[in-house]
Amino acid sequence: MYVEGVSYREIERLLGVSHVSVMNWVKKYGVKAPRQTDYHPTYKILNQKELAEFFQDPQQLKGAGLVVTELGDKYMMIRWERFKGV
């Protein structure tokens, strides 16, 4: 997510992992900061049927980063457009 341009604090909110831990991992593994920091996250809460329908369309996945996590009896999907020309 960091390589895709998501900030430490946003990663903390999305994954529930301390932003300090994320910073330490980035430093430990020598991950390079992205050149461009403009990204467009989209958050959706979907039921199982809606999530399955989303994944049936390959166009939904092209050029995007995606995280899906269980949220009770539903799913939270976080999608962001990947950088072009990085």
PDB file of N, CA and C in Angstrom:
ATOM      1  N   MET A   1       0.822  -1.187   0.000  1.00  0.00           N
ATOM      2  CA  MET A   1       0.000   0.000   0.000  1.00  0.00           C
ATOM      3  C   MET A   1       0.872   1.259   0.000  1.00  0.00           C
ATOM      4  N   TYR A   2       1.971   1.224   0.749  1.00  0.00           N
ATOM      5  CA  TYR A   2       2.874   2.376   0.798  1.00  0.00           C
ATOM      6  C   TYR A   2       3.458   2.658  -0.587  1.00  0.00           C
ATOM      7  N   VAL A   3       3.852   1.616  -1.285  1.00  0.00           N
ATOM      8  CA  VAL A   3       4.407   1.777  -2.627  1.00  0.00           C
ATOM      9  C   VAL A   3       3.370   2.370  -3.575  1.00  0.00           C
ATOM     10  N   GLU A   4       2.112   2.094  -3.320  1.00  0.00           N
ATOM     11  CA  GLU A   4       1.040   2.633  -4.148  1.00  0.00           C
ATOM     12  C   GLU A   4       0.718   4.082  -3.798  1.00  0.00           C
ATOM     13  N   GLY A   5       1.358   4.620  -2.754  1.00  0.00           N
ATOM     14  CA  GLY A   5       1.156   6.021  -2.401  1.00  0.00           C
ATOM     15  C   GLY A   5       0.246   6.270  -1.223  1.00  0.00           C
ATOM     16  N   VAL A   6      -0.154   5.217  -0.540  1.00  0.00           N
ATOM     17  CA  VAL A   6      -1.011   5.372   0.630  1.00  0.00           C
ATOM     18  C   VAL A   6      -0.128   5.807   1.804  1.00  0.00           C
ATOM     19  N   SER A   7      -0.571   6.821   2.554  1.00  0.00           N
ATOM     20  CA  SER A   7       0.231   7.361   3.656  1.00  0.00           C
ATOM     21  C   SER A   7       0.293   6.376   4.825  1.00  0.00           C
ATOM     22  N   TYR A   8       1.288   6.590   5.696  1.00  0.00           N
ATOM     23  CA  TYR A   8       1.424   5.744   6.889  1.00  0.00           C
ATOM     24  C   TYR A   8       0.144   5.767   7.728  1.00  0.00           C
ATOM     25  N   ARG A   9      -0.392   6.947   7.937  1.00  0.00           N
ATOM     26  CA  ARG A   9      -1.585   7.061   8.782  1.00  0.00           C
ATOM     27  C   ARG A   9      -2.809   6.427   8.119  1.00  0.00           C
ATOM     28  N   GLU A  10      -2.906   6.542   6.802  1.00  0.00           N
ATOM     29  CA  GLU A  10      -4.029   5.909   6.107  1.00  0.00           C
ATOM     30  C   GLU A  10      -3.898   4.383   6.197  1.00  0.00           C
ATOM     31  N   ILE A  11      -2.684   3.872   6.066  1.00  0.00           N
ATOM     32  CA  ILE A  11      -2.458   2.429   6.224  1.00  0.00           C
ATOM     33  C   ILE A  11      -2.858   2.010   7.635  1.00  0.00           C
ATOM     34  N   GLU A  12      -2.515   2.825   8.615  1.00  0.00           N
ATOM     35  CA  GLU A  12      -2.908   2.546   9.994  1.00  0.00           C
ATOM     36  C   GLU A  12      -4.426   2.426  10.113  1.00  0.00           C
ATOM     37  N   ARG A  13      -5.153   3.363   9.535  1.00  0.00           N
ATOM     38  CA  ARG A  13      -6.619   3.335   9.599  1.00  0.00           C
ATOM     39  C   ARG A  13      -7.201   2.144   8.847  1.00  0.00           C
ATOM     40  N   LEU A  14      -6.611   1.827   7.698  1.00  0.00           N
ATOM     41  CA  LEU A  14      -7.162   0.757   6.867  1.00  0.00           C
ATOM     42  C   LEU A  14      -6.909  -0.633   7.438  1.00  0.00           C
ATOM     43  N   LEU A  15      -5.696  -0.843   7.956  1.00  0.00           N
ATOM     44  CA  LEU A  15      -5.314  -2.184   8.398  1.00  0.00           C
ATOM     45  C   LEU A  15      -5.326  -2.370   9.913  1.00  0.00           C
ATOM     46  N   GLY A  16      -5.404  -1.269  10.655  1.00  0.00           N
ATOM     47  CA  GLY A  16      -5.383  -1.391  12.109  1.00  0.00           C
ATOM     48  C   GLY A  16      -4.005  -1.700  12.650  1.00  0.00           C
ATOM     49  N   VAL A  17      -2.967  -1.300  11.916  1.00  0.00           N
ATOM     50  CA  VAL A  17      -1.579  -1.502  12.326  1.00  0.00           C
ATOM     51  C   VAL A  17      -0.987  -0.122  12.583  1.00  0.00           C
ATOM     52  N   SER A  18      -0.249   0.033  13.654  1.00  0.00           N
ATOM     53  CA  SER A  18       0.337   1.320  13.996  1.00  0.00           C
ATOM     54  C   SER A  18       1.140   1.896  12.835  1.00  0.00           C
ATOM     55  N   HIS A  19       0.978   3.206  12.595  1.00  0.00           N
ATOM     56  CA  HIS A  19       1.752   3.846  11.530  1.00  0.00           C
ATOM     57  C   HIS A  19       3.246   3.789  11.825  1.00  0.00           C
ATOM     58  N   VAL A  20       3.616   3.733  13.117  1.00  0.00           N
ATOM     59  CA  VAL A  20       5.031   3.608  13.490  1.00  0.00           C
ATOM     60  C   VAL A  20       5.562   2.250  13.043  1.00  0.00           C
ATOM     61  N   SER A  21       4.755   1.206  13.189  1.00  0.00           N
ATOM     62  CA  SER A  21       5.163  -0.123  12.706  1.00  0.00           C
ATOM     63  C   SER A  21       5.362  -0.100  11.194  1.00  0.00           C
ATOM     64  N   VAL A  22       4.441   0.543  10.493  1.00  0.00           N
ATOM     65  CA  VAL A  22       4.564   0.639   9.035  1.00  0.00           C
ATOM     66  C   VAL A  22       5.850   1.380   8.676  1.00  0.00           C
ATOM     67  N   MET A  23       6.122   2.501   9.351  1.00  0.00           N
ATOM     68  CA  MET A  23       7.361   3.251   9.086  1.00  0.00           C
ATOM     69  C   MET A  23       8.589   2.385   9.338  1.00  0.00           C
ATOM     70  N   ASN A  24       8.561   1.617  10.421  1.00  0.00           N
ATOM     71  CA  ASN A  24       9.702   0.747  10.736  1.00  0.00           C
ATOM     72  C   ASN A  24       9.895  -0.323   9.666  1.00  0.00           C
ATOM     73  N   TRP A  25       8.810  -0.896   9.157  1.00  0.00           N
ATOM     74  CA  TRP A  25       8.913  -1.902   8.103  1.00  0.00           C
ATOM     75  C   TRP A  25       9.473  -1.288   6.825  1.00  0.00           C
ATOM     76  N   VAL A  26       9.003  -0.095   6.486  1.00  0.00           N
ATOM     77  CA  VAL A  26       9.488   0.588   5.285  1.00  0.00           C
ATOM     78  C   VAL A  26      10.992   0.823   5.404  1.00  0.00           C
ATOM     79  N   LYS A  27      11.421   1.289   6.570  1.00  0.00           N
ATOM     80  CA  LYS A  27      12.853   1.538   6.796  1.00  0.00           C
ATOM     81  C   LYS A  27      13.650   0.231   6.775  1.00  0.00           C
ATOM     82  N   LYS A  28      13.155  -0.790   7.471  1.00  0.00           N
ATOM     83  CA  LYS A  28      13.857  -2.075   7.580  1.00  0.00           C
ATOM     84  C   LYS A  28      14.072  -2.722   6.215  1.00  0.00           C
ATOM     85  N   TYR A  29      13.046  -2.665   5.356  1.00  0.00           N
ATOM     86  CA  TYR A  29      13.124  -3.331   4.062  1.00  0.00           C
ATOM     87  C   TYR A  29      13.536  -2.401   2.927  1.00  0.00           C
ATOM     88  N   GLY A  30      13.870  -1.150   3.260  1.00  0.00           N
ATOM     89  CA  GLY A  30      14.365  -0.220   2.252  1.00  0.00           C
ATOM     90  C   GLY A  30      13.369   0.103   1.154  1.00  0.00           C
ATOM     91  N   VAL A  31      12.105   0.172   1.505  1.00  0.00           N
ATOM     92  CA  VAL A  31      11.066   0.479   0.518  1.00  0.00           C
ATOM     93  C   VAL A  31      11.209   1.944   0.112  1.00  0.00           C
ATOM     94  N   LYS A  32      11.232   2.197  -1.186  1.00  0.00           N
ATOM     95  CA  LYS A  32      11.380   3.556  -1.690  1.00  0.00           C
ATOM     96  C   LYS A  32      10.025   4.264  -1.732  1.00  0.00           C
ATOM     97  N   ALA A  33      10.049   5.545  -1.377  1.00  0.00           N
ATOM     98  CA  ALA A  33       8.832   6.353  -1.403  1.00  0.00           C
ATOM     99  C   ALA A  33       8.365   6.537  -2.843  1.00  0.00           C
ATOM    100  N   PRO A  34       7.068   6.576  -3.044  1.00  0.00           N
ATOM    101  CA  PRO A  34       6.560   6.799  -4.397  1.00  0.00           C
ATOM    102  C   PRO A  34       6.877   8.213  -4.875  1.00  0.00           C
ATOM    103  N   ARG A  35       7.049   8.354  -6.178  1.00  0.00           N
ATOM    104  CA  ARG A  35       7.331   9.674  -6.757  1.00  0.00           C
ATOM    105  C   ARG A  35       6.102  10.554  -6.746  1.00  0.00           C
ATOM    106  N   GLN A  36       4.965   9.953  -6.837  1.00  0.00           N
ATOM    107  CA  GLN A  36       3.710  10.677  -6.917  1.00  0.00           C
ATOM    108  C   GLN A  36       2.852  10.260  -5.727  1.00  0.00           C
ATOM    109  N   THR A  37       2.194  11.209  -5.096  1.00  0.00           N
ATOM    110  CA  THR A  37       1.405  10.859  -3.913  1.00  0.00           C
ATOM    111  C   THR A  37      -0.092  11.040  -4.123  1.00  0.00           C
ATOM    112  N   ASP A  38      -0.527  11.231  -5.349  1.00  0.00           N
ATOM    113  CA  ASP A  38      -1.944  11.396  -5.632  1.00  0.00           C
ATOM    114  C   ASP A  38      -2.581  10.035  -5.874  1.00  0.00           C
ATOM    115  N   TYR A  39      -3.509   9.650  -5.033  1.00  0.00           N
ATOM    116  CA  TYR A  39      -4.242   8.411  -5.221  1.00  0.00           C
ATOM    117  C   TYR A  39      -5.697   8.660  -4.885  1.00  0.00           C
ATOM    118  N   HIS A  40      -6.551   7.770  -5.318  1.00  0.00           N
ATOM    119  CA  HIS A  40      -7.986   7.974  -5.170  1.00  0.00           C
ATOM    120  C   HIS A  40      -8.633   6.754  -4.522  1.00  0.00           C
ATOM    121  N   PRO A  41      -8.657   6.696  -3.177  1.00  0.00           N
ATOM    122  CA  PRO A  41      -9.258   5.529  -2.538  1.00  0.00           C
ATOM    123  C   PRO A  41     -10.777   5.549  -2.621  1.00  0.00           C
ATOM    124  N   THR A  42     -11.331   4.379  -2.741  1.00  0.00           N
ATOM    125  CA  THR A  42     -12.774   4.211  -2.734  1.00  0.00           C
ATOM    126  C   THR A  42     -13.100   3.150  -1.690  1.00  0.00           C
ATOM    127  N   TYR A  43     -13.989   3.459  -0.779  1.00  0.00           N
ATOM    128  CA  TYR A  43     -14.372   2.535   0.276  1.00  0.00           C
ATOM    129  C   TYR A  43     -15.805   2.093   0.026  1.00  0.00           C
ATOM    130  N   LYS A  44     -16.029   0.789   0.107  1.00  0.00           N
ATOM    131  CA  LYS A  44     -17.383   0.269  -0.054  1.00  0.00           C
ATOM    132  C   LYS A  44     -17.613  -0.832   0.964  1.00  0.00           C
ATOM    133  N   ILE A  45     -18.838  -0.909   1.440  1.00  0.00           N
ATOM    134  CA  ILE A  45     -19.263  -2.023   2.290  1.00  0.00           C
ATOM    135  C   ILE A  45     -20.194  -2.873   1.435  1.00  0.00           C
ATOM    136  N   LEU A  46     -19.827  -4.139   1.255  1.00  0.00           N
ATOM    137  CA  LEU A  46     -20.569  -5.022   0.362  1.00  0.00           C
ATOM    138  C   LEU A  46     -20.971  -6.303   1.080  1.00  0.00           C
ATOM    139  N   ASN A  47     -22.083  -6.889   0.641  1.00  0.00           N
ATOM    140  CA  ASN A  47     -22.401  -8.225   1.125  1.00  0.00           C
ATOM    141  C   ASN A  47     -21.679  -9.236   0.219  1.00  0.00           C
ATOM    142  N   GLN A  48     -21.801 -10.506   0.527  1.00  0.00           N
ATOM    143  CA  GLN A  48     -21.052 -11.538  -0.209  1.00  0.00           C
ATOM    144  C   GLN A  48     -21.425 -11.553  -1.689  1.00  0.00           C
ATOM    145  N   LYS A  49     -22.688 -11.424  -2.002  1.00  0.00           N
ATOM    146  CA  LYS A  49     -23.141 -11.456  -3.396  1.00  0.00           C
ATOM    147  C   LYS A  49     -22.578 -10.266  -4.178  1.00  0.00           C
ATOM    148  N   GLU A  50     -22.625  -9.076  -3.582  1.00  0.00           N
ATOM    149  CA  GLU A  50     -22.090  -7.883  -4.243  1.00  0.00           C
ATOM    150  C   GLU A  50     -20.584  -7.991  -4.468  1.00  0.00           C
ATOM    151  N   LEU A  51     -19.876  -8.544  -3.487  1.00  0.00           N
ATOM    152  CA  LEU A  51     -18.431  -8.729  -3.624  1.00  0.00           C
ATOM    153  C   LEU A  51     -18.112  -9.709  -4.749  1.00  0.00           C
ATOM    154  N   ALA A  52     -18.860 -10.807  -4.820  1.00  0.00           N
ATOM    155  CA  ALA A  52     -18.660 -11.795  -5.881  1.00  0.00           C
ATOM    156  C   ALA A  52     -18.919 -11.169  -7.252  1.00  0.00           C
ATOM    157  N   GLU A  53     -19.958 -10.363  -7.363  1.00  0.00           N
ATOM    158  CA  GLU A  53     -20.259  -9.691  -8.634  1.00  0.00           C
ATOM    159  C   GLU A  53     -19.149  -8.719  -9.021  1.00  0.00           C
ATOM    160  N   PHE A  54     -18.584  -8.027  -8.048  1.00  0.00           N
ATOM    161  CA  PHE A  54     -17.488  -7.098  -8.315  1.00  0.00           C
ATOM    162  C   PHE A  54     -16.301  -7.834  -8.945  1.00  0.00           C
ATOM    163  N   PHE A  55     -15.934  -8.984  -8.368  1.00  0.00           N
ATOM    164  CA  PHE A  55     -14.773  -9.735  -8.848  1.00  0.00           C
ATOM    165  C   PHE A  55     -15.021 -10.446 -10.174  1.00  0.00           C
ATOM    166  N   GLN A  56     -16.258 -10.567 -10.603  1.00  0.00           N
ATOM    167  CA  GLN A  56     -16.551 -11.208 -11.890  1.00  0.00           C
ATOM    168  C   GLN A  56     -16.194 -10.309 -13.065  1.00  0.00           C
ATOM    169  N   ASP A  57     -16.045  -9.006 -12.836  1.00  0.00           N
ATOM    170  CA  ASP A  57     -15.716  -8.065 -13.905  1.00  0.00           C
ATOM    171  C   ASP A  57     -14.229  -7.733 -13.862  1.00  0.00           C
ATOM    172  N   PRO A  58     -13.418  -8.275 -14.803  1.00  0.00           N
ATOM    173  CA  PRO A  58     -11.969  -8.041 -14.796  1.00  0.00           C
ATOM    174  C   PRO A  58     -11.600  -6.561 -14.907  1.00  0.00           C
ATOM    175  N   GLN A  59     -12.459  -5.760 -15.508  1.00  0.00           N
ATOM    176  CA  GLN A  59     -12.172  -4.327 -15.645  1.00  0.00           C
ATOM    177  C   GLN A  59     -12.110  -3.625 -14.277  1.00  0.00           C
ATOM    178  N   GLN A  60     -12.795  -4.178 -13.291  1.00  0.00           N
ATOM    179  CA  GLN A  60     -12.780  -3.593 -11.949  1.00  0.00           C
ATOM    180  C   GLN A  60     -11.392  -3.677 -11.314  1.00  0.00           C
ATOM    181  N   LEU A  61     -10.594  -4.640 -11.764  1.00  0.00           N
ATOM    182  CA  LEU A  61      -9.306  -4.901 -11.122  1.00  0.00           C
ATOM    183  C   LEU A  61      -8.125  -4.277 -11.852  1.00  0.00           C
ATOM    184  N   LYS A  62      -8.310  -3.896 -13.108  1.00  0.00           N
ATOM    185  CA  LYS A  62      -7.202  -3.338 -13.886  1.00  0.00           C
ATOM    186  C   LYS A  62      -6.783  -1.984 -13.342  1.00  0.00           C
ATOM    187  N   GLY A  63      -5.462  -1.821 -13.163  1.00  0.00           N
ATOM    188  CA  GLY A  63      -4.920  -0.539 -12.753  1.00  0.00           C
ATOM    189  C   GLY A  63      -5.307  -0.096 -11.361  1.00  0.00           C
ATOM    190  N   ALA A  64      -5.563  -1.051 -10.462  1.00  0.00           N
ATOM    191  CA  ALA A  64      -6.018  -0.681  -9.122  1.00  0.00           C
ATOM    192  C   ALA A  64      -5.337  -1.532  -8.060  1.00  0.00           C
ATOM    193  N   GLY A  65      -5.180  -0.942  -6.878  1.00  0.00           N
ATOM    194  CA  GLY A  65      -4.812  -1.679  -5.685  1.00  0.00           C
ATOM    195  C   GLY A  65      -6.102  -1.995  -4.950  1.00  0.00           C
ATOM    196  N   LEU A  66      -6.116  -3.085  -4.193  1.00  0.00           N
ATOM    197  CA  LEU A  66      -7.369  -3.514  -3.585  1.00  0.00           C
ATOM    198  C   LEU A  66      -7.099  -4.248  -2.280  1.00  0.00           C
ATOM    199  N   VAL A  67      -7.866  -3.896  -1.254  1.00  0.00           N
ATOM    200  CA  VAL A  67      -7.833  -4.607   0.020  1.00  0.00           C
ATOM    201  C   VAL A  67      -9.271  -4.940   0.379  1.00  0.00           C
ATOM    202  N   VAL A  68      -9.514  -6.199   0.762  1.00  0.00           N
ATOM    203  CA  VAL A  68     -10.841  -6.625   1.197  1.00  0.00           C
ATOM    204  C   VAL A  68     -10.690  -7.253   2.575  1.00  0.00           C
ATOM    205  N   THR A  69     -11.547  -6.846   3.492  1.00  0.00           N
ATOM    206  CA  THR A  69     -11.509  -7.425   4.832  1.00  0.00           C
ATOM    207  C   THR A  69     -12.934  -7.687   5.315  1.00  0.00           C
ATOM    208  N   GLU A  70     -13.070  -8.700   6.142  1.00  0.00           N
ATOM    209  CA  GLU A  70     -14.374  -9.045   6.703  1.00  0.00           C
ATOM    210  C   GLU A  70     -14.796  -7.983   7.712  1.00  0.00           C
ATOM    211  N   LEU A  71     -16.048  -7.639   7.682  1.00  0.00           N
ATOM    212  CA  LEU A  71     -16.596  -6.632   8.585  1.00  0.00           C
ATOM    213  C   LEU A  71     -17.942  -7.153   9.083  1.00  0.00           C
ATOM    214  N   GLY A  72     -17.902  -7.996  10.098  1.00  0.00           N
ATOM    215  CA  GLY A  72     -19.123  -8.642  10.583  1.00  0.00           C
ATOM    216  C   GLY A  72     -19.647  -9.602   9.529  1.00  0.00           C
ATOM    217  N   ASP A  73     -20.903  -9.417   9.096  1.00  0.00           N
ATOM    218  CA  ASP A  73     -21.467 -10.279   8.051  1.00  0.00           C
ATOM    219  C   ASP A  73     -21.309  -9.657   6.666  1.00  0.00           C
ATOM    220  N   LYS A  74     -20.541  -8.584   6.574  1.00  0.00           N
ATOM    221  CA  LYS A  74     -20.289  -7.916   5.293  1.00  0.00           C
ATOM    222  C   LYS A  74     -18.786  -7.822   5.061  1.00  0.00           C
ATOM    223  N   TYR A  75     -18.402  -7.147   3.999  1.00  0.00           N
ATOM    224  CA  TYR A  75     -16.996  -6.986   3.646  1.00  0.00           C
ATOM    225  C   TYR A  75     -16.710  -5.525   3.336  1.00  0.00           C
ATOM    226  N   MET A  76     -15.572  -5.041   3.813  1.00  0.00           N
ATOM    227  CA  MET A  76     -15.132  -3.698   3.464  1.00  0.00           C
ATOM    228  C   MET A  76     -14.097  -3.837   2.358  1.00  0.00           C
ATOM    229  N   MET A  77     -14.330  -3.127   1.265  1.00  0.00           N
ATOM    230  CA  MET A  77     -13.406  -3.153   0.136  1.00  0.00           C
ATOM    231  C   MET A  77     -12.825  -1.756  -0.024  1.00  0.00           C
ATOM    232  N   ILE A  78     -11.508  -1.685  -0.059  1.00  0.00           N
ATOM    233  CA  ILE A  78     -10.812  -0.419  -0.268  1.00  0.00           C
ATOM    234  C   ILE A  78     -10.065  -0.561  -1.584  1.00  0.00           C
ATOM    235  N   ARG A  79     -10.382   0.301  -2.509  1.00  0.00           N
ATOM    236  CA  ARG A  79      -9.786   0.242  -3.851  1.00  0.00           C
ATOM    237  C   ARG A  79      -9.184   1.599  -4.154  1.00  0.00           C
ATOM    238  N   TRP A  80      -8.004   1.606  -4.761  1.00  0.00           N
ATOM    239  CA  TRP A  80      -7.400   2.858  -5.174  1.00  0.00           C
ATOM    240  C   TRP A  80      -6.758   2.677  -6.536  1.00  0.00           C
ATOM    241  N   GLU A  81      -6.777   3.752  -7.305  1.00  0.00           N
ATOM    242  CA  GLU A  81      -6.182   3.719  -8.638  1.00  0.00           C
ATOM    243  C   GLU A  81      -4.672   3.713  -8.503  1.00  0.00           C
ATOM    244  N   ARG A  82      -4.024   2.869  -9.277  1.00  0.00           N
ATOM    245  CA  ARG A  82      -2.569   2.801  -9.258  1.00  0.00           C
ATOM    246  C   ARG A  82      -1.998   3.938 -10.077  1.00  0.00           C
ATOM    247  N   PHE A  83      -0.750   4.226  -9.816  1.00  0.00           N
ATOM    248  CA  PHE A  83      -0.073   5.295 -10.542  1.00  0.00           C
ATOM    249  C   PHE A  83       0.136   4.916 -11.994  1.00  0.00           C
ATOM    250  N   LYS A  84       0.063   5.900 -12.847  1.00  0.00           N
ATOM    251  CA  LYS A  84       0.342   5.710 -14.263  1.00  0.00           C
ATOM    252  C   LYS A  84       1.717   6.300 -14.544  1.00  0.00           C
ATOM    253  N   GLY A  85       2.581   5.565 -15.214  1.00  0.00           N
ATOM    254  CA  GLY A  85       3.868   6.079 -15.635  1.00  0.00           C
ATOM    255  C   GLY A  85       4.889   6.274 -14.537  1.00  0.00           C
ATOM    256  N   VAL A  86       4.807   5.498 -13.463  1.00  0.00           N
ATOM    257  CA  VAL A  86       5.814   5.625 -12.381  1.00  0.00           C
ATOM    258  C   VAL A  86       6.968   4.721 -12.686  1.00  0.00           C
TER     259      VAL A  86
END
